[in-house]
Amino acid sequence: MVSLIFLLGIIVGSVLSQAVGLFLPEGSTAHQLFVQYLSFGFGPASINLIVFDIELGFHVHVNLLSVIGVFLVAQLLRWYR
């Protein structure tokens, strides 16, 4: 349930961030606050199996609206349940 909250919250926050970024002037403080993100995760890791290769990587981009989105989704699911 917790992973569902984080996944949905980050998706909702990312959509909100992109929507807000369209209306704010580029380079403004508000644009940087709502659109700029921190990225963490691991880069592509290659696994060479003789028949085929697998390359896996995962990055999460977190910004202010992603954190707000996680909180909103948690409250909505709490209210819904």
Foldseek 3Di string as FASTA:
>chain_A
DLVVLLVQLQVVLQVVLVVVLVVDDPPDPVNCQRNPWDKDWAAWDWDDDPVDIDIDTDMRTDGPSSVVSSVVSVVVVVVVD
